[in-house]
Amino acid sequence: MKKRALTKPILRREAKGRDQALKRIHEVARDGTKLLALSSLAIDELPAELFELEQLEELSLYGNDLRTVPEGLEKLPNLQSLDLTRNELTE
């Protein structure tokens, strides 16, 4: 199997994950809910729009491809619960 054949599905999966994350972020922004689940989306970084959700109290990033604790969490003053389990954290 060619390497190229392997990378295309991975890139599509990452793009779908980012699109799904943005959709969920926009829904939370619209509805004003305090919980956001971005679990199992294969994302390796967080969209900047996430850090505009000042009402957010719970954030689940379970089962993604994050390698470090995301910068910018300090912009979420009401955040009480953060789930980073099953990521690729090295720090």
N, C-alpha and C. Protein backbone atom coordinates (compact mmCIF):
# COMPACT_ATOMS: atom_id res chain seq x y z
N MET A 1 0.84 -1.18 0.00
CA MET A 1 0.00 0.00 0.00
C MET A 1 0.89 1.24 0.00
N LYS A 2 0.52 2.21 -0.79
CA LYS A 2 1.30 3.44 -0.88
C LYS A 2 1.05 4.32 0.33
N LYS A 3 2.08 5.05 0.74
CA LYS A 3 1.96 5.96 1.87
C LYS A 3 0.90 7.03 1.62
N ARG A 4 0.81 7.47 0.41
CA ARG A 4 -0.18 8.49 0.05
C ARG A 4 -1.60 8.01 0.33
N ALA A 5 -1.85 6.74 0.06
CA ALA A 5 -3.18 6.19 0.31
C ALA A 5 -3.51 6.22 1.80
N LEU A 6 -2.52 6.11 2.65
CA LEU A 6 -2.76 6.15 4.08
C LEU A 6 -2.99 7.56 4.59
N THR A 7 -2.31 8.53 4.03
CA THR A 7 -2.43 9.89 4.56
C THR A 7 -3.74 10.57 4.18
N LYS A 8 -4.28 10.28 3.03
CA LYS A 8 -5.53 10.94 2.63
C LYS A 8 -6.68 10.66 3.59
N PRO A 9 -6.94 9.40 3.98
CA PRO A 9 -8.03 9.17 4.94
C PRO A 9 -7.76 9.83 6.28
N ILE A 10 -6.50 9.87 6.72
CA ILE A 10 -6.18 10.51 7.99
C ILE A 10 -6.46 11.99 7.91
N LEU A 11 -6.06 12.63 6.83
CA LEU A 11 -6.32 14.07 6.67
C LEU A 11 -7.81 14.36 6.61
N ARG A 12 -8.56 13.51 5.92
CA ARG A 12 -10.01 13.70 5.85
C ARG A 12 -10.64 13.55 7.23
N ARG A 13 -10.15 12.57 7.99
CA ARG A 13 -10.67 12.35 9.34
C ARG A 13 -10.39 13.56 10.22
N GLU A 14 -9.18 14.12 10.12
CA GLU A 14 -8.83 15.31 10.90
C GLU A 14 -9.69 16.50 10.49
N ALA A 15 -9.92 16.67 9.20
CA ALA A 15 -10.75 17.78 8.72
C ALA A 15 -12.19 17.62 9.19
N LYS A 16 -12.70 16.40 9.15
CA LYS A 16 -14.06 16.15 9.64
C LYS A 16 -14.14 16.44 11.13
N GLY A 17 -13.10 16.04 11.86
CA GLY A 17 -13.07 16.29 13.30
C GLY A 17 -13.08 17.77 13.61
N ARG A 18 -12.28 18.54 12.88
CA ARG A 18 -12.25 19.99 13.08
C ARG A 18 -13.60 20.61 12.74
N ASP A 19 -14.20 20.18 11.64
CA ASP A 19 -15.51 20.69 11.26
C ASP A 19 -16.56 20.38 12.33
N GLN A 20 -16.51 19.17 12.85
CA GLN A 20 -17.45 18.77 13.90
C GLN A 20 -17.22 19.58 15.18
N ALA A 21 -15.94 19.84 15.51
CA ALA A 21 -15.62 20.65 16.68
C ALA A 21 -16.19 22.06 16.52
N LEU A 22 -15.99 22.65 15.37
CA LEU A 22 -16.51 24.00 15.12
C LEU A 22 -18.03 24.04 15.21
N LYS A 23 -18.67 23.02 14.68
CA LYS A 23 -20.14 22.95 14.75
C LYS A 23 -20.60 22.92 16.20
N ARG A 24 -19.96 22.08 17.02
CA ARG A 24 -20.34 21.98 18.43
C ARG A 24 -20.05 23.28 19.19
N ILE A 25 -18.94 23.91 18.87
CA ILE A 25 -18.59 25.19 19.51
C ILE A 25 -19.63 26.24 19.19
N HIS A 26 -20.04 26.31 17.93
CA HIS A 26 -21.05 27.30 17.54
C HIS A 26 -22.40 27.02 18.20
N GLU A 27 -22.74 25.74 18.36
CA GLU A 27 -23.99 25.39 19.04
C GLU A 27 -23.97 25.84 20.50
N VAL A 28 -22.84 25.59 21.18
CA VAL A 28 -22.72 26.00 22.58
C VAL A 28 -22.76 27.53 22.70
N ALA A 29 -22.11 28.21 21.78
CA ALA A 29 -22.14 29.68 21.79
C ALA A 29 -23.56 30.19 21.59
N ARG A 30 -24.28 29.59 20.68
CA ARG A 30 -25.65 30.00 20.39
C ARG A 30 -26.58 29.72 21.57
N ASP A 31 -26.45 28.53 22.16
CA ASP A 31 -27.37 28.10 23.21
C ASP A 31 -26.96 28.55 24.61
N GLY A 32 -25.70 28.95 24.77
CA GLY A 32 -25.22 29.37 26.08
C GLY A 32 -25.03 28.23 27.07
N THR A 33 -24.92 27.01 26.58
CA THR A 33 -24.74 25.87 27.48
C THR A 33 -23.35 25.91 28.11
N LYS A 34 -23.20 25.18 29.22
CA LYS A 34 -21.98 25.23 30.00
C LYS A 34 -21.11 24.00 29.84
N LEU A 35 -21.55 23.05 29.02
CA LEU A 35 -20.82 21.82 28.78
C LEU A 35 -20.52 21.69 27.30
N LEU A 36 -19.28 21.34 26.98
CA LEU A 36 -18.88 21.11 25.59
C LEU A 36 -18.08 19.83 25.51
N ALA A 37 -18.54 18.91 24.69
CA ALA A 37 -17.84 17.64 24.47
C ALA A 37 -17.23 17.64 23.07
N LEU A 38 -15.93 17.65 23.03
CA LEU A 38 -15.19 17.53 21.77
C LEU A 38 -14.41 16.22 21.78
N SER A 39 -15.06 15.18 22.22
CA SER A 39 -14.42 13.88 22.40
C SER A 39 -14.31 13.11 21.09
N SER A 40 -13.19 12.39 20.96
CA SER A 40 -12.98 11.44 19.86
C SER A 40 -13.16 12.06 18.48
N LEU A 41 -12.60 13.24 18.28
CA LEU A 41 -12.70 13.91 16.99
C LEU A 41 -11.38 13.91 16.22
N ALA A 42 -10.34 13.30 16.76
CA ALA A 42 -9.02 13.23 16.13
C ALA A 42 -8.40 14.61 15.92
N ILE A 43 -8.75 15.57 16.77
CA ILE A 43 -8.16 16.90 16.65
C ILE A 43 -6.83 16.95 17.41
N ASP A 44 -5.88 17.70 16.85
CA ASP A 44 -4.58 17.84 17.51
C ASP A 44 -4.34 19.27 17.99
N GLU A 45 -5.29 20.13 17.74
CA GLU A 45 -5.26 21.50 18.28
C GLU A 45 -6.70 21.98 18.38
N LEU A 46 -6.88 22.98 19.23
CA LEU A 46 -8.23 23.48 19.47
C LEU A 46 -8.50 24.72 18.63
N PRO A 47 -9.70 24.80 18.07
CA PRO A 47 -10.06 26.01 17.32
C PRO A 47 -10.09 27.23 18.24
N ALA A 48 -9.66 28.35 17.74
CA ALA A 48 -9.61 29.59 18.52
C ALA A 48 -10.99 29.99 19.04
N GLU A 49 -12.03 29.64 18.31
CA GLU A 49 -13.40 29.99 18.70
C GLU A 49 -13.77 29.42 20.07
N LEU A 50 -13.14 28.32 20.45
CA LEU A 50 -13.41 27.70 21.74
C LEU A 50 -13.17 28.67 22.89
N PHE A 51 -12.14 29.48 22.77
CA PHE A 51 -11.72 30.34 23.87
C PHE A 51 -12.60 31.58 24.02
N GLU A 52 -13.63 31.69 23.22
CA GLU A 52 -14.61 32.77 23.35
C GLU A 52 -15.80 32.34 24.21
N LEU A 53 -15.83 31.07 24.62
CA LEU A 53 -16.96 30.52 25.38
C LEU A 53 -16.73 30.72 26.88
N GLU A 54 -16.85 31.96 27.32
CA GLU A 54 -16.56 32.30 28.72
C GLU A 54 -17.50 31.63 29.71
N GLN A 55 -18.69 31.20 29.28
CA GLN A 55 -19.65 30.55 30.18
C GLN A 55 -19.31 29.09 30.43
N LEU A 56 -18.38 28.54 29.67
CA LEU A 56 -18.07 27.12 29.73
C LEU A 56 -17.58 26.69 31.10
N GLU A 57 -18.20 25.63 31.65
CA GLU A 57 -17.79 25.09 32.94
C GLU A 57 -17.15 23.70 32.80
N GLU A 58 -17.59 22.95 31.80
CA GLU A 58 -17.07 21.60 31.58
C GLU A 58 -16.64 21.44 30.13
N LEU A 59 -15.44 20.89 29.94
CA LEU A 59 -14.89 20.68 28.60
C LEU A 59 -14.29 19.29 28.53
N SER A 60 -14.80 18.47 27.63
CA SER A 60 -14.27 17.13 27.43
C SER A 60 -13.51 17.08 26.10
N LEU A 61 -12.24 16.76 26.21
CA LEU A 61 -11.38 16.61 25.04
C LEU A 61 -10.89 15.16 24.96
N TYR A 62 -11.61 14.28 25.56
CA TYR A 62 -11.28 12.86 25.65
C TYR A 62 -11.04 12.24 24.26
N GLY A 63 -10.00 11.43 24.17
CA GLY A 63 -9.79 10.62 22.98
C GLY A 63 -9.43 11.37 21.72
N ASN A 64 -8.61 12.39 21.82
CA ASN A 64 -8.16 13.12 20.64
C ASN A 64 -6.66 12.89 20.43
N ASP A 65 -6.04 13.74 19.67
CA ASP A 65 -4.61 13.62 19.36
C ASP A 65 -3.79 14.78 19.92
N LEU A 66 -4.27 15.38 21.01
CA LEU A 66 -3.56 16.50 21.62
C LEU A 66 -2.25 16.01 22.22
N ARG A 67 -1.18 16.75 21.98
CA ARG A 67 0.14 16.36 22.49
C ARG A 67 0.56 17.18 23.71
N THR A 68 -0.05 18.34 23.89
CA THR A 68 0.24 19.19 25.04
C THR A 68 -1.08 19.71 25.60
N VAL A 69 -1.03 20.16 26.84
CA VAL A 69 -2.21 20.80 27.41
C VAL A 69 -2.42 22.09 26.62
N PRO A 70 -3.60 22.27 26.09
CA PRO A 70 -3.86 23.42 25.22
C PRO A 70 -3.62 24.76 25.90
N GLU A 71 -2.93 25.65 25.20
CA GLU A 71 -2.77 27.02 25.68
C GLU A 71 -4.07 27.77 25.44
N GLY A 72 -4.36 28.70 26.30
CA GLY A 72 -5.57 29.50 26.14
C GLY A 72 -6.67 29.13 27.10
N LEU A 73 -6.48 28.06 27.87
CA LEU A 73 -7.53 27.66 28.80
C LEU A 73 -7.81 28.73 29.85
N GLU A 74 -6.82 29.59 30.11
CA GLU A 74 -7.02 30.68 31.07
C GLU A 74 -8.07 31.68 30.58
N LYS A 75 -8.42 31.61 29.31
CA LYS A 75 -9.46 32.49 28.76
C LYS A 75 -10.87 31.99 29.08
N LEU A 76 -10.94 30.84 29.74
CA LEU A 76 -12.22 30.25 30.12
C LEU A 76 -12.36 30.36 31.64
N PRO A 77 -12.77 31.52 32.13
CA PRO A 77 -12.73 31.80 33.57
C PRO A 77 -13.65 30.92 34.42
N ASN A 78 -14.68 30.33 33.83
CA ASN A 78 -15.62 29.52 34.59
C ASN A 78 -15.36 28.02 34.47
N LEU A 79 -14.30 27.65 33.77
CA LEU A 79 -13.99 26.23 33.56
C LEU A 79 -13.68 25.56 34.89
N GLN A 80 -14.42 24.50 35.20
CA GLN A 80 -14.24 23.76 36.45
C GLN A 80 -13.78 22.33 36.20
N SER A 81 -14.11 21.79 35.03
CA SER A 81 -13.81 20.39 34.73
C SER A 81 -13.23 20.29 33.32
N LEU A 82 -12.08 19.61 33.24
CA LEU A 82 -11.39 19.43 31.96
C LEU A 82 -10.95 17.98 31.84
N ASP A 83 -11.41 17.30 30.81
CA ASP A 83 -11.05 15.89 30.59
C ASP A 83 -10.10 15.81 29.40
N LEU A 84 -8.87 15.42 29.69
CA LEU A 84 -7.84 15.25 28.65
C LEU A 84 -7.39 13.80 28.53
N THR A 85 -8.14 12.88 29.12
CA THR A 85 -7.73 11.48 29.07
C THR A 85 -7.74 10.95 27.64
N ARG A 86 -6.89 9.96 27.42
CA ARG A 86 -6.76 9.27 26.13
C ARG A 86 -6.37 10.21 24.99
N ASN A 87 -5.40 11.08 25.27
CA ASN A 87 -4.77 11.91 24.27
C ASN A 87 -3.33 11.48 24.16
N GLU A 88 -2.53 12.19 23.41
CA GLU A 88 -1.13 11.86 23.21
C GLU A 88 -0.22 12.80 24.00
N LEU A 89 -0.66 13.19 25.19
CA LEU A 89 0.07 14.17 26.00
C LEU A 89 1.47 13.70 26.34
N THR A 90 2.43 14.59 26.12
CA THR A 90 3.82 14.28 26.44
C THR A 90 4.33 15.16 27.57
N GLU A 91 3.61 16.20 27.91
CA GLU A 91 4.01 17.10 29.00
C GLU A 91 2.96 17.12 30.08
